[in-house]
Amino acid sequence: MQTVYDFHGLQFNGEKKSLQDYSGKVLLIVNTASQCFFTRQFKSLEKLYQKYKDKGFEILAFPSNDFRGQEPMTGLQLETFCRIRQQVTFPVFKRIHVVGEYCDPLYQFLSDKSKNGQVGVKPLWNFHKYLINRQGQVVDFFYSPTSPQASRVMTKIEQLIAE
């Protein structure tokens, strides 16, 4: 069966980063946007990352302009926004499509139950979150309004880290 490890993201320098590099870690994969109401979740995501990163947890951010053009930035401008303005230290990849005709293969997998065996929900907006276990399987998702530090998110992460 396919896992998230079969996919890659493009780093800002243009190099492919295999998600296999995150093998054995619990992942939270999030589609982000710089001009969204939920952009404030960057701070909560960073706090979550700092809390669990030494326990085998990673956050992978995939900016997307799919929802009302709320991510107009690309390249260095987008990287600067994430690293300096939002002060995130977790991996942020180049902008991709997370829905629609040009949907990135990773997001096709994340949102299709026939492919991932668990979750069949496409992002409805920015900051939709997919939770991945240490085996690279999609095990849960959280809609955009769910804070990254909500107790149900943290409880699920802690359970997966303990497995």
N, C-alpha and C. Protein backbone atom coordinates (compact mmCIF):
# COMPACT_ATOMS: atom_id res chain seq x y z
N MET A 1 0.84 -1.20 0.00
CA MET A 1 0.00 0.00 0.00
C MET A 1 0.88 1.25 0.00
N GLN A 2 0.44 2.25 -0.69
CA GLN A 2 1.15 3.51 -0.78
C GLN A 2 1.13 4.24 0.56
N THR A 3 2.19 5.01 0.83
CA THR A 3 2.26 5.85 2.03
C THR A 3 2.72 7.25 1.60
N VAL A 4 2.74 8.18 2.54
CA VAL A 4 3.22 9.53 2.21
C VAL A 4 4.69 9.50 1.81
N TYR A 5 5.40 8.45 2.21
CA TYR A 5 6.83 8.34 1.88
C TYR A 5 7.07 8.14 0.39
N ASP A 6 6.03 7.86 -0.36
CA ASP A 6 6.16 7.68 -1.81
C ASP A 6 6.13 9.02 -2.56
N PHE A 7 6.04 10.12 -1.84
CA PHE A 7 5.90 11.44 -2.45
C PHE A 7 7.07 12.34 -2.08
N HIS A 8 7.09 13.51 -2.67
CA HIS A 8 8.13 14.49 -2.38
C HIS A 8 7.52 15.89 -2.39
N GLY A 9 8.28 16.81 -1.86
CA GLY A 9 7.92 18.22 -1.92
C GLY A 9 9.08 18.96 -2.58
N LEU A 10 8.79 20.10 -3.16
CA LEU A 10 9.85 20.93 -3.73
C LEU A 10 10.25 21.98 -2.70
N GLN A 11 11.54 21.99 -2.38
CA GLN A 11 12.05 23.00 -1.47
C GLN A 11 12.16 24.34 -2.21
N PHE A 12 12.33 25.41 -1.47
CA PHE A 12 12.41 26.74 -2.08
C PHE A 12 13.59 26.87 -3.04
N ASN A 13 14.64 26.08 -2.81
CA ASN A 13 15.80 26.13 -3.72
C ASN A 13 15.57 25.31 -4.99
N GLY A 14 14.37 24.71 -5.11
CA GLY A 14 14.03 23.94 -6.30
C GLY A 14 14.36 22.46 -6.22
N GLU A 15 15.04 22.04 -5.17
CA GLU A 15 15.41 20.63 -5.02
C GLU A 15 14.22 19.83 -4.49
N LYS A 16 14.11 18.59 -4.98
CA LYS A 16 13.09 17.68 -4.48
C LYS A 16 13.51 17.16 -3.11
N LYS A 17 12.55 17.11 -2.21
CA LYS A 17 12.79 16.56 -0.87
C LYS A 17 11.85 15.38 -0.72
N SER A 18 12.42 14.20 -0.64
CA SER A 18 11.62 13.00 -0.49
C SER A 18 10.99 12.97 0.90
N LEU A 19 9.70 12.66 0.95
CA LEU A 19 9.06 12.54 2.26
C LEU A 19 9.54 11.29 2.98
N GLN A 20 10.25 10.42 2.26
CA GLN A 20 10.90 9.25 2.88
C GLN A 20 11.89 9.72 3.95
N ASP A 21 12.41 10.94 3.79
CA ASP A 21 13.34 11.50 4.78
C ASP A 21 12.68 11.68 6.15
N TYR A 22 11.36 11.64 6.20
CA TYR A 22 10.63 11.80 7.46
C TYR A 22 10.10 10.45 7.97
N SER A 23 10.59 9.40 7.39
CA SER A 23 10.17 8.05 7.78
C SER A 23 10.36 7.84 9.28
N GLY A 24 9.36 7.23 9.90
CA GLY A 24 9.44 6.95 11.33
C GLY A 24 9.00 8.09 12.21
N LYS A 25 8.59 9.21 11.62
CA LYS A 25 8.12 10.35 12.40
C LYS A 25 6.61 10.50 12.26
N VAL A 26 6.01 11.09 13.26
CA VAL A 26 4.60 11.48 13.19
C VAL A 26 4.59 12.82 12.46
N LEU A 27 3.72 12.94 11.46
CA LEU A 27 3.68 14.15 10.65
C LEU A 27 2.32 14.84 10.72
N LEU A 28 2.36 16.14 10.70
CA LEU A 28 1.16 16.95 10.51
C LEU A 28 1.41 17.73 9.22
N ILE A 29 0.64 17.42 8.18
CA ILE A 29 0.79 18.06 6.88
C ILE A 29 -0.33 19.10 6.75
N VAL A 30 0.07 20.34 6.46
CA VAL A 30 -0.86 21.47 6.48
C VAL A 30 -0.72 22.29 5.20
N ASN A 31 -1.85 22.63 4.56
CA ASN A 31 -1.80 23.58 3.45
C ASN A 31 -1.99 24.98 4.03
N THR A 32 -1.06 25.87 3.71
CA THR A 32 -1.05 27.20 4.33
C THR A 32 -1.27 28.30 3.30
N ALA A 33 -1.52 29.51 3.81
CA ALA A 33 -1.66 30.70 2.97
C ALA A 33 -1.35 31.92 3.83
N SER A 34 -0.67 32.88 3.23
CA SER A 34 -0.20 34.05 3.99
C SER A 34 -1.27 35.11 4.24
N GLN A 35 -2.35 35.11 3.43
CA GLN A 35 -3.35 36.16 3.57
C GLN A 35 -4.71 35.60 3.97
N CYS A 36 -4.70 34.60 4.80
CA CYS A 36 -5.91 33.92 5.24
C CYS A 36 -6.21 34.30 6.70
N PHE A 37 -7.47 34.26 7.06
CA PHE A 37 -7.86 34.46 8.45
C PHE A 37 -7.10 33.52 9.37
N PHE A 38 -6.84 32.30 8.91
CA PHE A 38 -6.18 31.28 9.74
C PHE A 38 -4.65 31.38 9.72
N THR A 39 -4.09 32.38 9.05
CA THR A 39 -2.63 32.55 9.01
C THR A 39 -2.07 32.64 10.43
N ARG A 40 -2.86 33.13 11.33
CA ARG A 40 -2.40 33.22 12.73
C ARG A 40 -2.06 31.84 13.30
N GLN A 41 -2.54 30.78 12.65
CA GLN A 41 -2.21 29.42 13.12
C GLN A 41 -0.73 29.09 12.95
N PHE A 42 0.00 29.87 12.16
CA PHE A 42 1.44 29.63 12.06
C PHE A 42 2.08 29.63 13.45
N LYS A 43 1.68 30.57 14.29
CA LYS A 43 2.25 30.67 15.64
C LYS A 43 1.93 29.42 16.46
N SER A 44 0.68 28.95 16.37
CA SER A 44 0.29 27.73 17.09
C SER A 44 0.99 26.50 16.53
N LEU A 45 1.15 26.46 15.22
CA LEU A 45 1.87 25.34 14.61
C LEU A 45 3.31 25.32 15.10
N GLU A 46 3.94 26.48 15.17
CA GLU A 46 5.33 26.54 15.64
C GLU A 46 5.44 26.10 17.10
N LYS A 47 4.49 26.51 17.94
CA LYS A 47 4.50 26.07 19.34
C LYS A 47 4.34 24.56 19.43
N LEU A 48 3.45 24.01 18.63
CA LEU A 48 3.24 22.57 18.59
C LEU A 48 4.51 21.86 18.14
N TYR A 49 5.14 22.39 17.12
CA TYR A 49 6.38 21.82 16.60
C TYR A 49 7.47 21.83 17.68
N GLN A 50 7.63 22.95 18.36
CA GLN A 50 8.66 23.05 19.40
C GLN A 50 8.39 22.07 20.54
N LYS A 51 7.13 21.85 20.83
CA LYS A 51 6.78 20.95 21.94
C LYS A 51 7.11 19.48 21.63
N TYR A 52 6.93 19.07 20.38
CA TYR A 52 7.05 17.64 20.05
C TYR A 52 8.19 17.27 19.10
N LYS A 53 8.91 18.24 18.57
CA LYS A 53 9.91 17.92 17.54
C LYS A 53 11.00 16.97 18.03
N ASP A 54 11.34 17.01 19.29
CA ASP A 54 12.37 16.13 19.82
C ASP A 54 11.84 14.75 20.17
N LYS A 55 10.55 14.54 19.93
CA LYS A 55 9.93 13.25 20.22
C LYS A 55 9.53 12.52 18.93
N GLY A 56 10.07 12.96 17.81
CA GLY A 56 9.77 12.29 16.55
C GLY A 56 8.56 12.85 15.83
N PHE A 57 8.38 14.17 15.87
CA PHE A 57 7.24 14.84 15.25
C PHE A 57 7.73 15.91 14.29
N GLU A 58 7.08 16.01 13.15
CA GLU A 58 7.39 17.04 12.15
C GLU A 58 6.10 17.66 11.63
N ILE A 59 6.18 18.93 11.31
CA ILE A 59 5.11 19.61 10.58
C ILE A 59 5.66 19.92 9.20
N LEU A 60 4.87 19.61 8.18
CA LEU A 60 5.25 19.91 6.80
C LEU A 60 4.19 20.86 6.24
N ALA A 61 4.61 22.06 5.86
CA ALA A 61 3.68 23.06 5.34
C ALA A 61 3.78 23.15 3.82
N PHE A 62 2.63 23.15 3.19
CA PHE A 62 2.54 23.26 1.74
C PHE A 62 1.66 24.45 1.39
N PRO A 63 2.26 25.62 1.13
CA PRO A 63 1.47 26.79 0.74
C PRO A 63 0.66 26.51 -0.52
N SER A 64 -0.52 27.11 -0.57
CA SER A 64 -1.41 26.92 -1.72
C SER A 64 -2.21 28.20 -1.97
N ASN A 65 -2.43 28.47 -3.23
CA ASN A 65 -3.20 29.64 -3.63
C ASN A 65 -4.59 29.23 -4.14
N ASP A 66 -5.04 28.04 -3.76
CA ASP A 66 -6.28 27.48 -4.30
C ASP A 66 -7.56 28.10 -3.74
N PHE A 67 -7.49 28.76 -2.62
CA PHE A 67 -8.70 29.26 -1.98
C PHE A 67 -8.70 30.79 -1.98
N ARG A 68 -9.44 31.33 -2.93
CA ARG A 68 -9.62 32.78 -3.09
C ARG A 68 -8.31 33.56 -3.20
N GLY A 69 -7.30 32.95 -3.78
CA GLY A 69 -6.04 33.66 -4.04
C GLY A 69 -5.36 34.17 -2.80
N GLN A 70 -5.48 33.42 -1.68
CA GLN A 70 -4.94 33.91 -0.41
C GLN A 70 -3.46 33.61 -0.22
N GLU A 71 -2.82 33.02 -1.24
CA GLU A 71 -1.37 32.86 -1.20
C GLU A 71 -0.78 33.35 -2.52
N PRO A 72 -0.68 34.68 -2.67
CA PRO A 72 -0.15 35.23 -3.92
C PRO A 72 1.38 35.14 -4.01
N MET A 73 2.05 34.94 -2.88
CA MET A 73 3.51 34.94 -2.89
C MET A 73 4.07 33.61 -3.39
N THR A 74 5.28 33.68 -3.92
CA THR A 74 6.03 32.50 -4.32
C THR A 74 7.50 32.73 -3.98
N GLY A 75 8.29 31.71 -4.14
CA GLY A 75 9.75 31.82 -4.02
C GLY A 75 10.26 32.49 -2.76
N LEU A 76 11.27 33.34 -2.94
CA LEU A 76 11.95 33.98 -1.81
C LEU A 76 11.00 34.82 -0.98
N GLN A 77 10.05 35.49 -1.62
CA GLN A 77 9.08 36.31 -0.88
C GLN A 77 8.27 35.45 0.08
N LEU A 78 7.83 34.29 -0.39
CA LEU A 78 7.05 33.37 0.46
C LEU A 78 7.91 32.77 1.55
N GLU A 79 9.12 32.36 1.20
CA GLU A 79 10.03 31.79 2.20
C GLU A 79 10.33 32.82 3.29
N THR A 80 10.57 34.06 2.89
CA THR A 80 10.85 35.13 3.85
C THR A 80 9.65 35.36 4.77
N PHE A 81 8.46 35.36 4.19
CA PHE A 81 7.26 35.53 5.00
C PHE A 81 7.17 34.44 6.08
N CYS A 82 7.39 33.20 5.69
CA CYS A 82 7.26 32.09 6.64
C CYS A 82 8.37 32.09 7.68
N ARG A 83 9.61 32.28 7.26
CA ARG A 83 10.76 32.17 8.16
C ARG A 83 10.93 33.41 9.05
N ILE A 84 10.75 34.59 8.47
CA ILE A 84 11.04 35.81 9.23
C ILE A 84 9.77 36.41 9.84
N ARG A 85 8.74 36.63 9.04
CA ARG A 85 7.52 37.24 9.56
C ARG A 85 6.78 36.32 10.52
N GLN A 86 6.67 35.03 10.15
CA GLN A 86 5.93 34.08 11.00
C GLN A 86 6.85 33.29 11.93
N GLN A 87 8.14 33.37 11.70
CA GLN A 87 9.16 32.72 12.53
C GLN A 87 8.96 31.21 12.66
N VAL A 88 8.59 30.55 11.55
CA VAL A 88 8.45 29.10 11.60
C VAL A 88 9.80 28.45 11.32
N THR A 89 10.05 27.35 12.01
CA THR A 89 11.30 26.60 11.83
C THR A 89 11.04 25.22 11.22
N PHE A 90 9.77 24.83 11.11
CA PHE A 90 9.46 23.55 10.48
C PHE A 90 9.53 23.70 8.96
N PRO A 91 9.64 22.58 8.23
CA PRO A 91 9.77 22.65 6.77
C PRO A 91 8.55 23.26 6.08
N VAL A 92 8.83 24.20 5.19
CA VAL A 92 7.81 24.81 4.34
C VAL A 92 8.28 24.59 2.90
N PHE A 93 7.38 24.08 2.07
CA PHE A 93 7.74 23.75 0.70
C PHE A 93 7.21 24.81 -0.26
N LYS A 94 7.57 24.65 -1.53
CA LYS A 94 7.08 25.56 -2.56
C LYS A 94 5.56 25.43 -2.69
N ARG A 95 4.95 26.46 -3.19
CA ARG A 95 3.51 26.52 -3.36
C ARG A 95 3.04 25.43 -4.34
N ILE A 96 1.93 24.79 -3.97
CA ILE A 96 1.35 23.73 -4.80
C ILE A 96 -0.17 23.90 -4.86
N HIS A 97 -0.80 23.09 -5.69
CA HIS A 97 -2.26 22.99 -5.71
C HIS A 97 -2.66 21.83 -4.80
N VAL A 98 -3.65 22.06 -3.94
CA VAL A 98 -4.10 21.01 -3.02
C VAL A 98 -5.48 20.48 -3.39
N VAL A 99 -6.13 21.11 -4.35
CA VAL A 99 -7.43 20.66 -4.87
C VAL A 99 -7.47 20.97 -6.37
N GLY A 100 -8.44 20.38 -7.04
CA GLY A 100 -8.68 20.74 -8.44
C GLY A 100 -7.89 19.94 -9.44
N GLU A 101 -7.99 20.38 -10.67
CA GLU A 101 -7.41 19.67 -11.82
C GLU A 101 -5.89 19.49 -11.71
N TYR A 102 -5.21 20.45 -11.12
CA TYR A 102 -3.75 20.39 -11.02
C TYR A 102 -3.26 20.01 -9.62
N CYS A 103 -4.12 19.36 -8.87
CA CYS A 103 -3.80 18.95 -7.50
C CYS A 103 -2.50 18.13 -7.48
N ASP A 104 -1.63 18.50 -6.55
CA ASP A 104 -0.37 17.79 -6.37
C ASP A 104 -0.63 16.32 -6.01
N PRO A 105 0.18 15.39 -6.51
CA PRO A 105 -0.03 13.97 -6.20
C PRO A 105 -0.09 13.66 -4.71
N LEU A 106 0.69 14.36 -3.89
CA LEU A 106 0.63 14.15 -2.44
C LEU A 106 -0.78 14.43 -1.93
N TYR A 107 -1.35 15.53 -2.34
CA TYR A 107 -2.69 15.90 -1.86
C TYR A 107 -3.78 15.03 -2.49
N GLN A 108 -3.54 14.51 -3.67
CA GLN A 108 -4.47 13.53 -4.24
C GLN A 108 -4.51 12.31 -3.32
N PHE A 109 -3.34 11.88 -2.85
CA PHE A 109 -3.24 10.74 -1.95
C PHE A 109 -3.87 11.04 -0.59
N LEU A 110 -3.52 12.19 -0.01
CA LEU A 110 -4.01 12.54 1.33
C LEU A 110 -5.54 12.60 1.40
N SER A 111 -6.17 13.01 0.31
CA SER A 111 -7.61 13.28 0.35
C SER A 111 -8.47 12.19 -0.30
N ASP A 112 -7.87 11.08 -0.71
CA ASP A 112 -8.61 10.03 -1.42
C ASP A 112 -8.55 8.72 -0.64
N LYS A 113 -9.67 8.35 -0.03
CA LYS A 113 -9.72 7.13 0.78
C LYS A 113 -9.35 5.88 -0.01
N SER A 114 -9.66 5.86 -1.30
CA SER A 114 -9.32 4.68 -2.11
C SER A 114 -7.80 4.55 -2.29
N LYS A 115 -7.07 5.65 -2.06
CA LYS A 115 -5.61 5.62 -2.18
C LYS A 115 -4.92 5.45 -0.83
N ASN A 116 -5.45 6.11 0.20
CA ASN A 116 -4.77 6.08 1.50
C ASN A 116 -5.41 5.13 2.51
N GLY A 117 -6.59 4.62 2.21
CA GLY A 117 -7.23 3.63 3.07
C GLY A 117 -7.92 4.16 4.31
N GLN A 118 -7.81 5.44 4.59
CA GLN A 118 -8.35 5.98 5.84
C GLN A 118 -9.24 7.22 5.67
N VAL A 119 -8.72 8.22 4.98
CA VAL A 119 -9.36 9.54 4.95
C VAL A 119 -9.79 9.88 3.53
N GLY A 120 -11.01 10.35 3.40
CA GLY A 120 -11.50 10.75 2.09
C GLY A 120 -12.02 12.17 2.10
N VAL A 121 -11.26 13.08 2.68
CA VAL A 121 -11.69 14.46 2.80
C VAL A 121 -10.67 15.39 2.16
N LYS A 122 -11.12 16.17 1.19
CA LYS A 122 -10.25 17.17 0.55
C LYS A 122 -10.25 18.44 1.39
N PRO A 123 -9.16 19.20 1.32
CA PRO A 123 -9.17 20.49 2.02
C PRO A 123 -10.31 21.36 1.49
N LEU A 124 -11.03 21.95 2.41
CA LEU A 124 -12.10 22.88 2.06
C LEU A 124 -11.61 24.32 2.11
N TRP A 125 -10.46 24.50 2.76
CA TRP A 125 -9.89 25.83 2.93
C TRP A 125 -8.43 25.70 3.33
N ASN A 126 -7.78 26.83 3.53
CA ASN A 126 -6.38 26.86 3.99
C ASN A 126 -6.29 26.34 5.43
N PHE A 127 -5.15 25.79 5.76
CA PHE A 127 -4.83 25.29 7.10
C PHE A 127 -5.63 24.04 7.47
N HIS A 128 -5.98 23.23 6.46
CA HIS A 128 -6.53 21.90 6.68
C HIS A 128 -5.33 21.03 7.08
N LYS A 129 -5.53 20.15 8.05
CA LYS A 129 -4.42 19.39 8.61
C LYS A 129 -4.65 17.88 8.47
N TYR A 130 -3.61 17.18 8.00
CA TYR A 130 -3.65 15.71 7.93
C TYR A 130 -2.62 15.18 8.91
N LEU A 131 -3.02 14.19 9.69
CA LEU A 131 -2.13 13.56 10.65
C LEU A 131 -1.67 12.21 10.11
N ILE A 132 -0.37 11.99 10.16
CA ILE A 132 0.26 10.80 9.58
C ILE A 132 1.01 10.06 10.69
N ASN A 133 0.83 8.73 10.75
CA ASN A 133 1.53 7.95 11.77
C ASN A 133 2.98 7.66 11.34
N ARG A 134 3.72 6.98 12.21
CA ARG A 134 5.13 6.71 11.95
C ARG A 134 5.36 5.79 10.75
N GLN A 135 4.31 5.11 10.31
CA GLN A 135 4.42 4.22 9.15
C GLN A 135 4.06 4.94 7.84
N GLY A 136 3.77 6.23 7.93
CA GLY A 136 3.46 7.01 6.73
C GLY A 136 2.01 6.90 6.29
N GLN A 137 1.14 6.43 7.18
CA GLN A 137 -0.28 6.27 6.85
C GLN A 137 -1.10 7.45 7.37
N VAL A 138 -2.05 7.88 6.57
CA VAL A 138 -2.96 8.94 6.98
C VAL A 138 -3.91 8.36 8.03
N VAL A 139 -3.94 8.95 9.22
CA VAL A 139 -4.78 8.40 10.28
C VAL A 139 -5.89 9.34 10.74
N ASP A 140 -5.77 10.63 10.43
CA ASP A 140 -6.81 11.56 10.87
C ASP A 140 -6.64 12.88 10.10
N PHE A 141 -7.61 13.76 10.26
CA PHE A 141 -7.55 15.08 9.66
C PHE A 141 -8.29 16.04 10.58
N PHE A 142 -7.98 17.32 10.40
CA PHE A 142 -8.62 18.36 11.18
C PHE A 142 -8.94 19.51 10.23
N TYR A 143 -10.18 19.97 10.28
CA TYR A 143 -10.60 21.08 9.44
C TYR A 143 -9.86 22.36 9.84
N SER A 144 -9.86 23.31 8.94
CA SER A 144 -9.13 24.57 9.11
C SER A 144 -9.36 25.28 10.45
N PRO A 145 -10.61 25.40 10.92
CA PRO A 145 -10.81 26.14 12.18
C PRO A 145 -10.20 25.47 13.42
N THR A 146 -9.85 24.20 13.32
CA THR A 146 -9.29 23.49 14.47
C THR A 146 -7.89 24.00 14.76
N SER A 147 -7.71 24.54 15.95
CA SER A 147 -6.39 25.05 16.34
C SER A 147 -5.39 23.90 16.40
N PRO A 148 -4.16 24.14 15.94
CA PRO A 148 -3.13 23.11 16.06
C PRO A 148 -2.88 22.69 17.51
N GLN A 149 -3.24 23.56 18.44
CA GLN A 149 -3.04 23.23 19.85
C GLN A 149 -4.33 22.79 20.55
N ALA A 150 -5.34 22.46 19.78
CA ALA A 150 -6.58 21.94 20.36
C ALA A 150 -6.25 20.63 21.08
N SER A 151 -6.95 20.36 22.17
CA SER A 151 -6.64 19.16 22.95
C SER A 151 -6.78 17.89 22.14
N ARG A 152 -7.77 17.82 21.23
CA ARG A 152 -7.93 16.59 20.45
C ARG A 152 -6.78 16.39 19.46
N VAL A 153 -6.19 17.48 18.97
CA VAL A 153 -5.03 17.37 18.08
C VAL A 153 -3.82 16.89 18.88
N MET A 154 -3.58 17.54 20.00
CA MET A 154 -2.42 17.19 20.83
C MET A 154 -2.53 15.78 21.40
N THR A 155 -3.72 15.39 21.81
CA THR A 155 -3.93 14.04 22.34
C THR A 155 -3.60 12.99 21.28
N LYS A 156 -4.08 13.22 20.06
CA LYS A 156 -3.83 12.27 18.97
C LYS A 156 -2.34 12.21 18.63
N ILE A 157 -1.68 13.35 18.61
CA ILE A 157 -0.23 13.38 18.34
C ILE A 157 0.52 12.61 19.43
N GLU A 158 0.15 12.85 20.68
CA GLU A 158 0.82 12.17 21.79
C GLU A 158 0.61 10.65 21.71
N GLN A 159 -0.59 10.23 21.32
CA GLN A 159 -0.83 8.80 21.16
C GLN A 159 0.05 8.20 20.08
N LEU A 160 0.16 8.90 18.96
CA LEU A 160 0.97 8.39 17.85
C LEU A 160 2.46 8.39 18.19
N ILE A 161 2.90 9.41 18.92
CA ILE A 161 4.31 9.46 19.33
C ILE A 161 4.64 8.29 20.25
N ALA A 162 3.68 7.92 21.12
CA ALA A 162 3.89 6.85 22.09
C ALA A 162 3.88 5.46 21.45
N GLU A 163 3.31 5.35 20.25
CA GLU A 163 3.20 4.02 19.61
C GLU A 163 4.55 3.51 19.15
